[in-house]
Amino acid sequence: MEFLNSAFMQRALLAAVLVGITAPAIGIYLVQRRQALLGDGIGHVAMTGVGLGFLLSTSPVWMATAVSVLGAVLMELIRWYGRTRGDIALAMLFYGGMAGGVMLINLAPGGSNANLVSYLFGSLSTVSESDVTAICVLAAFVLLVTLGLRRQLFAVSQDEEFARVTGLPVRALNLLTAVTAAVTVTVAMRVVGLLLVSALMVVPVAAAQQLSRSFTVTFVIAVAIGVVVTVSGTITSYYQYVPPGATIVLLTIAAFLALTALATPLARRRARAAAAAQPAGDPAECSIPAARGAGEEIGV
């Protein structure tokens, strides 16, 4: 436990725990909405905010938050009004954000592409006290939204038309989801990195779905997986001198593969038990067609 004696590791572990909680917390709604790659797109846009922070000599975290929130709003507007040209507009937004970040950081005094590496792939030693403060504030916002509005967000993620009929402000909730995803990206960029954060938002949810179709249980399992892999990856990178972002993502994928291997025989055993318990003459019960996506099968 000597790693706890290092001040930078204490900060890194606190940031890792908050990232492990917040990324799957918003990721479960993105998976339900079939927007698993939204975090990746926001990460590209956030690079402009990082470059702008260096250029203006302000906090890259807060500047990246402002720019990524603006980018998330633009993405939602494009999704609403873009129609057939929406994919082209999104592509220009994503790649423009990445190019803007590279350009701005090179224009900054003493700036270079090397300054971007810790934001692209994560870095333990660069997590400062001001970063931890920003991460705590932003993580509190993410949890307030994802837990406080879980029923409304779930309803919109499952069926927008039904949610609209029931009187929910669908567009406002969609916009809030996108903004919360943008905030989560900036929360995670110091630990996982902008280019890898999307994996931490999606893969723990996919892993949890291997064990449960209940929304609440899936949420809890996904957050637990997120915390375990971020803390484990952070400690591993300290001892093995490997990039924390890459380590965390590989551990997350390993968790997904392990739970998939565990869930498959259990599902077959339950199916055999159910078939054996059913009387021979009874008709088979109605079931959800196998072609439906995993996100559609989750229930509250």
C-alpha atoms as a PDB file:
ATOM      1  CA  MET A   1       0.000   0.000   0.000  1.00  0.00           C
ATOM      2  CA  GLU A   2       3.019   2.279  -0.359  1.00  0.00           C
ATOM      3  CA  PHE A   3       1.419   3.916  -3.378  1.00  0.00           C
ATOM      4  CA  LEU A   4      -0.963   5.675  -0.970  1.00  0.00           C
ATOM      5  CA  ASN A   5       1.976   7.598   0.438  1.00  0.00           C
ATOM      6  CA  SER A   6       2.332   9.518  -2.814  1.00  0.00           C
ATOM      7  CA  ALA A   7       0.197  12.637  -3.025  1.00  0.00           C
ATOM      8  CA  PHE A   8      -0.242  12.335  -6.778  1.00  0.00           C
ATOM      9  CA  MET A   9      -1.460   8.739  -6.408  1.00  0.00           C
ATOM     10  CA  GLN A  10      -4.019   9.812  -3.804  1.00  0.00           C
ATOM     11  CA  ARG A  11      -5.326  12.376  -6.276  1.00  0.00           C
ATOM     12  CA  ALA A  12      -5.234   9.884  -9.140  1.00  0.00           C
ATOM     13  CA  LEU A  13      -7.130   7.223  -7.176  1.00  0.00           C
ATOM     14  CA  LEU A  14      -9.831   9.687  -6.137  1.00  0.00           C
ATOM     15  CA  ALA A  15     -10.201  10.783  -9.756  1.00  0.00           C
ATOM     16  CA  ALA A  16     -10.258   7.131 -10.870  1.00  0.00           C
ATOM     17  CA  VAL A  17     -13.087   6.244  -8.467  1.00  0.00           C
ATOM     18  CA  LEU A  18     -15.167   9.208  -9.645  1.00  0.00           C
ATOM     19  CA  VAL A  19     -14.545   8.295 -13.281  1.00  0.00           C
ATOM     20  CA  GLY A  20     -15.444   4.662 -12.604  1.00  0.00           C
ATOM     21  CA  ILE A  21     -18.781   5.776 -11.160  1.00  0.00           C
ATOM     22  CA  THR A  22     -19.772   8.517 -13.577  1.00  0.00           C
ATOM     23  CA  ALA A  23     -18.804   6.969 -16.926  1.00  0.00           C
ATOM     24  CA  PRO A  24     -21.082   3.876 -16.667  1.00  0.00           C
ATOM     25  CA  ALA A  25     -23.772   5.980 -14.936  1.00  0.00           C
ATOM     26  CA  ILE A  26     -24.346   8.019 -18.104  1.00  0.00           C
ATOM     27  CA  GLY A  27     -23.184   5.244 -20.416  1.00  0.00           C
ATOM     28  CA  ILE A  28     -26.190   3.069 -19.619  1.00  0.00           C
ATOM     29  CA  TYR A  29     -28.497   5.690 -21.133  1.00  0.00           C
ATOM     30  CA  LEU A  30     -26.308   6.057 -24.216  1.00  0.00           C
ATOM     31  CA  VAL A  31     -26.378   2.287 -24.764  1.00  0.00           C
ATOM     32  CA  GLN A  32     -30.168   2.312 -24.426  1.00  0.00           C
ATOM     33  CA  ARG A  33     -30.376   5.126 -26.987  1.00  0.00           C
ATOM     34  CA  ARG A  34     -27.965   3.338 -29.359  1.00  0.00           C
ATOM     35  CA  GLN A  35     -25.530   6.263 -29.098  1.00  0.00           C
ATOM     36  CA  ALA A  36     -22.585   4.293 -27.782  1.00  0.00           C
ATOM     37  CA  LEU A  37     -20.062   6.348 -29.766  1.00  0.00           C
ATOM     38  CA  LEU A  38     -21.358   9.735 -28.619  1.00  0.00           C
ATOM     39  CA  GLY A  39     -18.626   9.953 -25.986  1.00  0.00           C
ATOM     40  CA  ASP A  40     -15.970   9.362 -28.632  1.00  0.00           C
ATOM     41  CA  GLY A  41     -17.284  12.247 -30.724  1.00  0.00           C
ATOM     42  CA  ILE A  42     -17.435  14.559 -27.717  1.00  0.00           C
ATOM     43  CA  GLY A  43     -13.863  13.594 -26.872  1.00  0.00           C
ATOM     44  CA  HIS A  44     -12.738  14.864 -30.270  1.00  0.00           C
ATOM     45  CA  VAL A  45     -14.538  18.173 -29.737  1.00  0.00           C
ATOM     46  CA  ALA A  46     -13.111  18.538 -26.211  1.00  0.00           C
ATOM     47  CA  MET A  47      -9.602  18.650 -27.685  1.00  0.00           C
ATOM     48  CA  THR A  48     -10.365  22.154 -28.922  1.00  0.00           C
ATOM     49  CA  GLY A  49     -11.208  23.131 -25.344  1.00  0.00           C
ATOM     50  CA  VAL A  50      -7.913  21.712 -24.084  1.00  0.00           C
ATOM     51  CA  GLY A  51      -5.977  23.647 -26.740  1.00  0.00           C
ATOM     52  CA  LEU A  52      -7.945  26.804 -25.949  1.00  0.00           C
ATOM     53  CA  GLY A  53      -7.134  26.398 -22.266  1.00  0.00           C
ATOM     54  CA  PHE A  54      -3.401  26.313 -23.012  1.00  0.00           C
ATOM     55  CA  LEU A  55      -3.694  29.265 -25.395  1.00  0.00           C
ATOM     56  CA  LEU A  56      -5.565  31.421 -22.861  1.00  0.00           C
ATOM     57  CA  SER A  57      -3.532  30.146 -19.876  1.00  0.00           C
ATOM     58  CA  THR A  58      -6.683  28.926 -18.120  1.00  0.00           C
ATOM     59  CA  SER A  59      -7.717  25.529 -16.764  1.00  0.00           C
ATOM     60  CA  PRO A  60      -7.868  23.030 -19.666  1.00  0.00           C
ATOM     61  CA  VAL A  61     -10.435  20.972 -17.726  1.00  0.00           C
ATOM     62  CA  TRP A  62     -12.952  23.804 -17.366  1.00  0.00           C
ATOM     63  CA  MET A  63     -12.332  25.058 -20.898  1.00  0.00           C
ATOM     64  CA  ALA A  64     -12.760  21.542 -22.276  1.00  0.00           C
ATOM     65  CA  THR A  65     -16.005  21.260 -20.308  1.00  0.00           C
ATOM     66  CA  ALA A  66     -17.383  24.450 -21.852  1.00  0.00           C
ATOM     67  CA  VAL A  67     -16.387  23.486 -25.404  1.00  0.00           C
ATOM     68  CA  SER A  68     -17.600  19.876 -25.115  1.00  0.00           C
ATOM     69  CA  VAL A  69     -20.969  21.018 -23.715  1.00  0.00           C
ATOM     70  CA  LEU A  70     -21.314  23.386 -26.662  1.00  0.00           C
ATOM     71  CA  GLY A  71     -20.359  20.533 -28.984  1.00  0.00           C
ATOM     72  CA  ALA A  72     -22.940  18.231 -27.382  1.00  0.00           C
ATOM     73  CA  VAL A  73     -25.658  20.851 -27.901  1.00  0.00           C
ATOM     74  CA  LEU A  74     -24.651  21.198 -31.564  1.00  0.00           C
ATOM     75  CA  MET A  75     -24.754  17.406 -31.966  1.00  0.00           C
ATOM     76  CA  GLU A  76     -28.289  17.283 -30.631  1.00  0.00           C
ATOM     77  CA  LEU A  77     -29.355  20.147 -32.918  1.00  0.00           C
ATOM     78  CA  ILE A  78     -27.830  18.329 -35.877  1.00  0.00           C
ATOM     79  CA  ARG A  79     -29.639  15.153 -34.864  1.00  0.00           C
ATOM     80  CA  TRP A  80     -32.961  17.024 -34.718  1.00  0.00           C
ATOM     81  CA  TYR A  81     -32.628  19.096 -37.883  1.00  0.00           C
ATOM     82  CA  GLY A  82     -29.757  17.600 -39.877  1.00  0.00           C
ATOM     83  CA  ARG A  83     -31.796  14.937 -41.701  1.00  0.00           C
ATOM     84  CA  THR A  84     -29.808  13.306 -44.512  1.00  0.00           C
ATOM     85  CA  ARG A  85     -26.810  15.648 -44.141  1.00  0.00           C
ATOM     86  CA  GLY A  86     -26.509  15.129 -40.395  1.00  0.00           C
ATOM     87  CA  ASP A  87     -23.740  12.531 -40.597  1.00  0.00           C
ATOM     88  CA  ILE A  88     -21.574  14.839 -42.709  1.00  0.00           C
ATOM     89  CA  ALA A  89     -22.069  17.726 -40.286  1.00  0.00           C
ATOM     90  CA  LEU A  90     -21.180  15.491 -37.328  1.00  0.00           C
ATOM     91  CA  ALA A  91     -18.032  14.260 -39.087  1.00  0.00           C
ATOM     92  CA  MET A  92     -16.902  17.842 -39.701  1.00  0.00           C
ATOM     93  CA  LEU A  93     -17.628  18.705 -36.056  1.00  0.00           C
ATOM     94  CA  PHE A  94     -15.624  15.738 -34.738  1.00  0.00           C
ATOM     95  CA  TYR A  95     -12.589  16.134 -36.964  1.00  0.00           C
ATOM     96  CA  GLY A  96     -12.711  19.916 -36.759  1.00  0.00           C
ATOM     97  CA  GLY A  97     -12.596  19.629 -32.982  1.00  0.00           C
ATOM     98  CA  MET A  98      -9.515  17.412 -33.126  1.00  0.00           C
ATOM     99  CA  ALA A  99      -7.742  19.627 -35.658  1.00  0.00           C
ATOM    100  CA  GLY A 100      -8.663  22.751 -33.690  1.00  0.00           C
ATOM    101  CA  GLY A 101      -7.145  21.312 -30.533  1.00  0.00           C
ATOM    102  CA  VAL A 102      -3.858  20.483 -32.255  1.00  0.00           C
ATOM    103  CA  MET A 103      -3.691  23.911 -33.891  1.00  0.00           C
ATOM    104  CA  LEU A 104      -4.520  25.898 -30.746  1.00  0.00           C
ATOM    105  CA  ILE A 105      -2.073  24.084 -28.511  1.00  0.00           C
ATOM    106  CA  ASN A 106       0.727  24.698 -31.011  1.00  0.00           C
ATOM    107  CA  LEU A 107      -0.161  28.394 -31.076  1.00  0.00           C
ATOM    108  CA  ALA A 108       0.019  28.586 -27.275  1.00  0.00           C
ATOM    109  CA  PRO A 109       3.275  29.928 -25.745  1.00  0.00           C
ATOM    110  CA  GLY A 110       5.553  26.952 -25.188  1.00  0.00           C
ATOM    111  CA  GLY A 111       2.824  24.579 -26.375  1.00  0.00           C
ATOM    112  CA  SER A 112       3.385  21.467 -28.469  1.00  0.00           C
ATOM    113  CA  ASN A 113       1.628  18.245 -29.380  1.00  0.00           C
ATOM    114  CA  ALA A 114       3.405  16.609 -26.434  1.00  0.00           C
ATOM    115  CA  ASN A 115       1.162  18.612 -24.102  1.00  0.00           C
ATOM    116  CA  LEU A 116      -1.877  16.837 -25.548  1.00  0.00           C
ATOM    117  CA  VAL A 117      -0.685  13.306 -24.782  1.00  0.00           C
ATOM    118  CA  SER A 118      -1.762  13.309 -21.133  1.00  0.00           C
ATOM    119  CA  TYR A 119      -5.235  14.511 -22.160  1.00  0.00           C
ATOM    120  CA  LEU A 120      -5.576  12.054 -25.040  1.00  0.00           C
ATOM    121  CA  PHE A 121      -4.528   8.915 -23.158  1.00  0.00           C
ATOM    122  CA  GLY A 122      -4.549   9.878 -19.467  1.00  0.00           C
ATOM    123  CA  SER A 123      -1.687  10.472 -17.047  1.00  0.00           C
ATOM    124  CA  LEU A 124      -1.389   9.831 -13.317  1.00  0.00           C
ATOM    125  CA  SER A 125       1.356  12.302 -12.482  1.00  0.00           C
ATOM    126  CA  THR A 126      -0.409  15.280 -14.068  1.00  0.00           C
ATOM    127  CA  VAL A 127      -3.608  15.116 -11.970  1.00  0.00           C
ATOM    128  CA  SER A 128      -3.352  18.301  -9.896  1.00  0.00           C
ATOM    129  CA  GLU A 129      -5.368  19.487  -6.907  1.00  0.00           C
ATOM    130  CA  SER A 130      -7.293  21.892  -9.135  1.00  0.00           C
ATOM    131  CA  ASP A 131      -8.093  18.991 -11.478  1.00  0.00           C
ATOM    132  CA  VAL A 132      -9.424  16.943  -8.564  1.00  0.00           C
ATOM    133  CA  THR A 133     -11.615  19.848  -7.457  1.00  0.00           C
ATOM    134  CA  ALA A 134     -13.013  20.234 -10.968  1.00  0.00           C
ATOM    135  CA  ILE A 135     -13.570  16.482 -11.302  1.00  0.00           C
ATOM    136  CA  CYS A 136     -15.448  16.343  -7.966  1.00  0.00           C
ATOM    137  CA  VAL A 137     -17.764  19.206  -8.946  1.00  0.00           C
ATOM    138  CA  LEU A 138     -18.452  17.776 -12.408  1.00  0.00           C
ATOM    139  CA  ALA A 139     -18.945  14.237 -11.077  1.00  0.00           C
ATOM    140  CA  ALA A 140     -21.513  15.537  -8.575  1.00  0.00           C
ATOM    141  CA  PHE A 141     -23.455  17.077 -11.467  1.00  0.00           C
ATOM    142  CA  VAL A 142     -23.367  13.822 -13.454  1.00  0.00           C
ATOM    143  CA  LEU A 143     -24.613  11.752 -10.510  1.00  0.00           C
ATOM    144  CA  LEU A 144     -27.316  14.284  -9.687  1.00  0.00           C
ATOM    145  CA  VAL A 145     -28.681  13.985 -13.227  1.00  0.00           C
ATOM    146  CA  THR A 146     -28.274  10.240 -13.772  1.00  0.00           C
ATOM    147  CA  LEU A 147     -29.745   9.268 -10.406  1.00  0.00           C
ATOM    148  CA  GLY A 148     -32.206  12.071  -9.801  1.00  0.00           C
ATOM    149  CA  LEU A 149     -33.813  11.809 -13.248  1.00  0.00           C
ATOM    150  CA  ARG A 150     -33.275   8.093 -13.833  1.00  0.00           C
ATOM    151  CA  ARG A 151     -36.951   7.292 -14.484  1.00  0.00           C
ATOM    152  CA  GLN A 152     -37.412  10.130 -16.973  1.00  0.00           C
ATOM    153  CA  LEU A 153     -34.120   9.449 -18.755  1.00  0.00           C
ATOM    154  CA  PHE A 154     -34.900   5.740 -18.941  1.00  0.00           C
ATOM    155  CA  ALA A 155     -38.334   6.410 -20.432  1.00  0.00           C
ATOM    156  CA  VAL A 156     -36.908   8.697 -23.117  1.00  0.00           C
ATOM    157  CA  SER A 157     -34.069   6.269 -23.863  1.00  0.00           C
ATOM    158  CA  GLN A 158     -36.475   3.371 -24.311  1.00  0.00           C
ATOM    159  CA  ASP A 159     -39.205   4.995 -26.420  1.00  0.00           C
ATOM    160  CA  GLU A 160     -39.219   8.694 -27.271  1.00  0.00           C
ATOM    161  CA  GLU A 161     -42.710   8.633 -28.743  1.00  0.00           C
ATOM    162  CA  PHE A 162     -44.224   7.004 -25.659  1.00  0.00           C
ATOM    163  CA  ALA A 163     -42.340   9.430 -23.409  1.00  0.00           C
ATOM    164  CA  ARG A 164     -43.673  12.351 -25.445  1.00  0.00           C
ATOM    165  CA  VAL A 165     -47.242  11.061 -25.156  1.00  0.00           C
ATOM    166  CA  THR A 166     -46.902  10.820 -21.377  1.00  0.00           C
ATOM    167  CA  GLY A 167     -45.968  14.514 -21.256  1.00  0.00           C
ATOM    168  CA  LEU A 168     -42.215  14.293 -20.681  1.00  0.00           C
ATOM    169  CA  PRO A 169     -40.071  17.094 -22.195  1.00  0.00           C
ATOM    170  CA  VAL A 170     -38.280  14.743 -24.585  1.00  0.00           C
ATOM    171  CA  ARG A 171     -36.063  17.282 -26.310  1.00  0.00           C
ATOM    172  CA  ALA A 172     -34.970  18.844 -23.036  1.00  0.00           C
ATOM    173  CA  LEU A 173     -34.118  15.413 -21.596  1.00  0.00           C
ATOM    174  CA  ASN A 174     -32.229  14.434 -24.756  1.00  0.00           C
ATOM    175  CA  LEU A 175     -30.254  17.646 -24.525  1.00  0.00           C
ATOM    176  CA  LEU A 176     -29.549  17.066 -20.836  1.00  0.00           C
ATOM    177  CA  THR A 177     -28.292  13.554 -21.608  1.00  0.00           C
ATOM    178  CA  ALA A 178     -25.908  14.889 -24.241  1.00  0.00           C
ATOM    179  CA  VAL A 179     -24.640  17.644 -21.925  1.00  0.00           C
ATOM    180  CA  THR A 180     -24.133  15.140 -19.095  1.00  0.00           C
ATOM    181  CA  ALA A 181     -22.170  12.888 -21.450  1.00  0.00           C
ATOM    182  CA  ALA A 182     -20.001  15.881 -22.379  1.00  0.00           C
ATOM    183  CA  VAL A 183     -19.319  16.634 -18.716  1.00  0.00           C
ATOM    184  CA  THR A 184     -18.440  12.977 -18.112  1.00  0.00           C
ATOM    185  CA  VAL A 185     -15.870  13.076 -20.906  1.00  0.00           C
ATOM    186  CA  THR A 186     -14.059  15.956 -19.243  1.00  0.00           C
ATOM    187  CA  VAL A 187     -14.283  14.208 -15.864  1.00  0.00           C
ATOM    188  CA  ALA A 188     -12.518  11.170 -17.304  1.00  0.00           C
ATOM    189  CA  MET A 189      -9.939  12.756 -19.575  1.00  0.00           C
ATOM    190  CA  ARG A 190      -7.207  13.101 -16.921  1.00  0.00           C
ATOM    191  CA  VAL A 191      -7.416   9.409 -15.991  1.00  0.00           C
ATOM    192  CA  VAL A 192      -8.549   7.543 -19.111  1.00  0.00           C
ATOM    193  CA  GLY A 193      -7.945  10.102 -21.842  1.00  0.00           C
ATOM    194  CA  LEU A 194     -10.243  11.735 -24.393  1.00  0.00           C
ATOM    195  CA  LEU A 195      -9.724   9.035 -27.015  1.00  0.00           C
ATOM    196  CA  LEU A 196     -10.492   6.124 -24.685  1.00  0.00           C
ATOM    197  CA  VAL A 197     -13.226   7.462 -22.408  1.00  0.00           C
ATOM    198  CA  SER A 198     -16.032   6.179 -24.647  1.00  0.00           C
ATOM    199  CA  ALA A 199     -14.982   2.598 -23.901  1.00  0.00           C
ATOM    200  CA  LEU A 200     -15.415   3.149 -20.170  1.00  0.00           C
ATOM    201  CA  MET A 201     -18.882   4.581 -20.764  1.00  0.00           C
ATOM    202  CA  VAL A 202     -20.066   1.628 -22.856  1.00  0.00           C
ATOM    203  CA  VAL A 203     -18.149  -1.595 -22.120  1.00  0.00           C
ATOM    204  CA  PRO A 204     -19.009  -1.874 -18.371  1.00  0.00           C
ATOM    205  CA  VAL A 205     -22.682  -1.523 -19.308  1.00  0.00           C
ATOM    206  CA  ALA A 206     -22.354  -4.207 -21.979  1.00  0.00           C
ATOM    207  CA  ALA A 207     -20.598  -6.444 -19.442  1.00  0.00           C
ATOM    208  CA  ALA A 208     -23.330  -5.893 -16.835  1.00  0.00           C
ATOM    209  CA  GLN A 209     -26.001  -6.766 -19.397  1.00  0.00           C
ATOM    210  CA  GLN A 210     -24.511 -10.246 -19.612  1.00  0.00           C
ATOM    211  CA  LEU A 211     -25.714 -10.872 -16.054  1.00  0.00           C
ATOM    212  CA  SER A 212     -28.960  -8.928 -15.797  1.00  0.00           C
ATOM    213  CA  ARG A 213     -31.748  -7.357 -17.829  1.00  0.00           C
ATOM    214  CA  SER A 214     -33.027  -5.257 -14.927  1.00  0.00           C
ATOM    215  CA  PHE A 215     -32.135  -1.595 -15.345  1.00  0.00           C
ATOM    216  CA  THR A 216     -31.332  -1.057 -11.660  1.00  0.00           C
ATOM    217  CA  VAL A 217     -29.203  -4.195 -11.339  1.00  0.00           C
ATOM    218  CA  THR A 218     -27.409  -3.437 -14.596  1.00  0.00           C
ATOM    219  CA  PHE A 219     -26.706   0.098 -13.373  1.00  0.00           C
ATOM    220  CA  VAL A 220     -25.215  -1.135 -10.091  1.00  0.00           C
ATOM    221  CA  ILE A 221     -23.098  -3.862 -11.718  1.00  0.00           C
ATOM    222  CA  ALA A 222     -21.820  -1.483 -14.408  1.00  0.00           C
ATOM    223  CA  VAL A 223     -20.757   1.100 -11.824  1.00  0.00           C
ATOM    224  CA  ALA A 224     -19.072  -1.625  -9.739  1.00  0.00           C
ATOM    225  CA  ILE A 225     -17.154  -2.822 -12.794  1.00  0.00           C
ATOM    226  CA  GLY A 226     -16.187   0.766 -13.601  1.00  0.00           C
ATOM    227  CA  VAL A 227     -14.783   1.394 -10.131  1.00  0.00           C
ATOM    228  CA  VAL A 228     -12.881  -1.919 -10.020  1.00  0.00           C
ATOM    229  CA  VAL A 229     -11.220  -1.484 -13.422  1.00  0.00           C
ATOM    230  CA  THR A 230     -10.314   2.189 -12.951  1.00  0.00           C
ATOM    231  CA  VAL A 231      -8.768   1.609  -9.529  1.00  0.00           C
ATOM    232  CA  SER A 232      -7.028  -1.594 -10.684  1.00  0.00           C
ATOM    233  CA  GLY A 233      -5.750   0.091 -13.833  1.00  0.00           C
ATOM    234  CA  THR A 234      -4.465   3.091 -11.897  1.00  0.00           C
ATOM    235  CA  ILE A 235      -2.559   0.904  -9.425  1.00  0.00           C
ATOM    236  CA  THR A 236      -1.204  -1.302 -12.226  1.00  0.00           C
ATOM    237  CA  SER A 237       0.074   1.704 -14.162  1.00  0.00           C
ATOM    238  CA  TYR A 238       1.848   2.952 -11.026  1.00  0.00           C
ATOM    239  CA  TYR A 239       3.801  -0.268 -10.543  1.00  0.00           C
ATOM    240  CA  GLN A 240       4.303  -1.318 -14.167  1.00  0.00           C
ATOM    241  CA  TYR A 241       4.856   2.146 -15.716  1.00  0.00           C
ATOM    242  CA  VAL A 242       2.189   1.612 -18.371  1.00  0.00           C
ATOM    243  CA  PRO A 243      -0.393   4.150 -19.651  1.00  0.00           C
ATOM    244  CA  PRO A 244      -3.368   4.257 -17.259  1.00  0.00           C
ATOM    245  CA  GLY A 245      -5.980   4.843 -19.962  1.00  0.00           C
ATOM    246  CA  ALA A 246      -4.940   1.876 -22.065  1.00  0.00           C
ATOM    247  CA  THR A 247      -4.626  -0.330 -18.978  1.00  0.00           C
ATOM    248  CA  ILE A 248      -8.103   0.584 -17.744  1.00  0.00           C
ATOM    249  CA  VAL A 249      -9.724  -0.032 -21.130  1.00  0.00           C
ATOM    250  CA  LEU A 250      -8.005  -3.417 -21.552  1.00  0.00           C
ATOM    251  CA  LEU A 251      -9.124  -4.451 -18.052  1.00  0.00           C
ATOM    252  CA  THR A 252     -12.673  -3.371 -18.923  1.00  0.00           C
ATOM    253  CA  ILE A 253     -12.673  -5.501 -22.072  1.00  0.00           C
ATOM    254  CA  ALA A 254     -11.256  -8.419 -20.073  1.00  0.00           C
ATOM    255  CA  ALA A 255     -14.122  -8.036 -17.580  1.00  0.00           C
ATOM    256  CA  PHE A 256     -16.615  -8.086 -20.444  1.00  0.00           C
ATOM    257  CA  LEU A 257     -15.111 -11.281 -21.892  1.00  0.00           C
ATOM    258  CA  ALA A 258     -15.010 -12.959 -18.473  1.00  0.00           C
ATOM    259  CA  LEU A 259     -18.650 -12.132 -17.693  1.00  0.00           C
ATOM    260  CA  THR A 260     -19.725 -13.231 -21.162  1.00  0.00           C
ATOM    261  CA  ALA A 261     -17.995 -16.592 -20.673  1.00  0.00           C
ATOM    262  CA  LEU A 262     -19.672 -16.914 -17.258  1.00  0.00           C
ATOM    263  CA  ALA A 263     -23.130 -15.865 -18.424  1.00  0.00           C
ATOM    264  CA  THR A 264     -23.415 -18.187 -21.433  1.00  0.00           C
ATOM    265  CA  PRO A 265     -23.466 -21.524 -19.541  1.00  0.00           C
ATOM    266  CA  LEU A 266     -25.684 -20.031 -16.835  1.00  0.00           C
ATOM    267  CA  ALA A 267     -28.206 -18.913 -19.445  1.00  0.00           C
ATOM    268  CA  ARG A 268     -28.200 -22.363 -21.051  1.00  0.00           C
ATOM    269  CA  ARG A 269     -28.693 -24.017 -17.674  1.00  0.00           C
ATOM    270  CA  ARG A 270     -31.649 -21.766 -16.864  1.00  0.00           C
ATOM    271  CA  ALA A 271     -33.168 -22.465 -20.279  1.00  0.00           C
ATOM    272  CA  ARG A 272     -32.870 -26.221 -19.768  1.00  0.00           C
ATOM    273  CA  ALA A 273     -34.355 -25.958 -16.285  1.00  0.00           C
ATOM    274  CA  ALA A 274     -37.279 -23.905 -17.591  1.00  0.00           C
ATOM    275  CA  ALA A 275     -37.898 -26.380 -20.420  1.00  0.00           C
ATOM    276  CA  ALA A 276     -37.809 -29.322 -18.024  1.00  0.00           C
ATOM    277  CA  ALA A 277     -40.248 -27.642 -15.623  1.00  0.00           C
ATOM    278  CA  GLN A 278     -42.807 -26.897 -18.369  1.00  0.00           C
ATOM    279  CA  PRO A 279     -45.490 -29.589 -18.857  1.00  0.00           C
ATOM    280  CA  ALA A 280     -45.176 -31.333 -22.198  1.00  0.00           C
ATOM    281  CA  GLY A 281     -48.597 -30.286 -23.490  1.00  0.00           C
ATOM    282  CA  ASP A 282     -48.427 -26.586 -22.583  1.00  0.00           C
ATOM    283  CA  PRO A 283     -47.724 -24.072 -25.344  1.00  0.00           C
ATOM    284  CA  ALA A 284     -44.450 -22.169 -25.148  1.00  0.00           C
ATOM    285  CA  GLU A 285     -44.641 -18.761 -23.542  1.00  0.00           C
ATOM    286  CA  CYS A 286     -44.304 -15.646 -25.630  1.00  0.00           C
ATOM    287  CA  SER A 287     -40.764 -14.293 -25.612  1.00  0.00           C
ATOM    288  CA  ILE A 288     -38.896 -11.356 -27.004  1.00  0.00           C
ATOM    289  CA  PRO A 289     -37.468 -12.150 -30.458  1.00  0.00           C
ATOM    290  CA  ALA A 290     -33.747 -12.813 -30.408  1.00  0.00           C
ATOM    291  CA  ALA A 291     -33.137 -10.198 -33.087  1.00  0.00           C
ATOM    292  CA  ARG A 292     -33.853  -7.359 -30.677  1.00  0.00           C
ATOM    293  CA  GLY A 293     -30.849  -5.552 -29.244  1.00  0.00           C
ATOM    294  CA  ALA A 294     -29.696  -6.061 -25.688  1.00  0.00           C
ATOM    295  CA  GLY A 295     -30.451  -2.463 -24.835  1.00  0.00           C
ATOM    296  CA  GLU A 296     -34.103  -2.956 -25.812  1.00  0.00           C
ATOM    297  CA  GLU A 297     -34.510  -5.906 -23.451  1.00  0.00           C
ATOM    298  CA  ILE A 298     -33.586  -4.059 -20.291  1.00  0.00           C
ATOM    299  CA  GLY A 299     -36.457  -3.403 -17.934  1.00  0.00           C
ATOM    300  CA  VAL A 300     -36.734  -1.118 -14.960  1.00  0.00           C
END
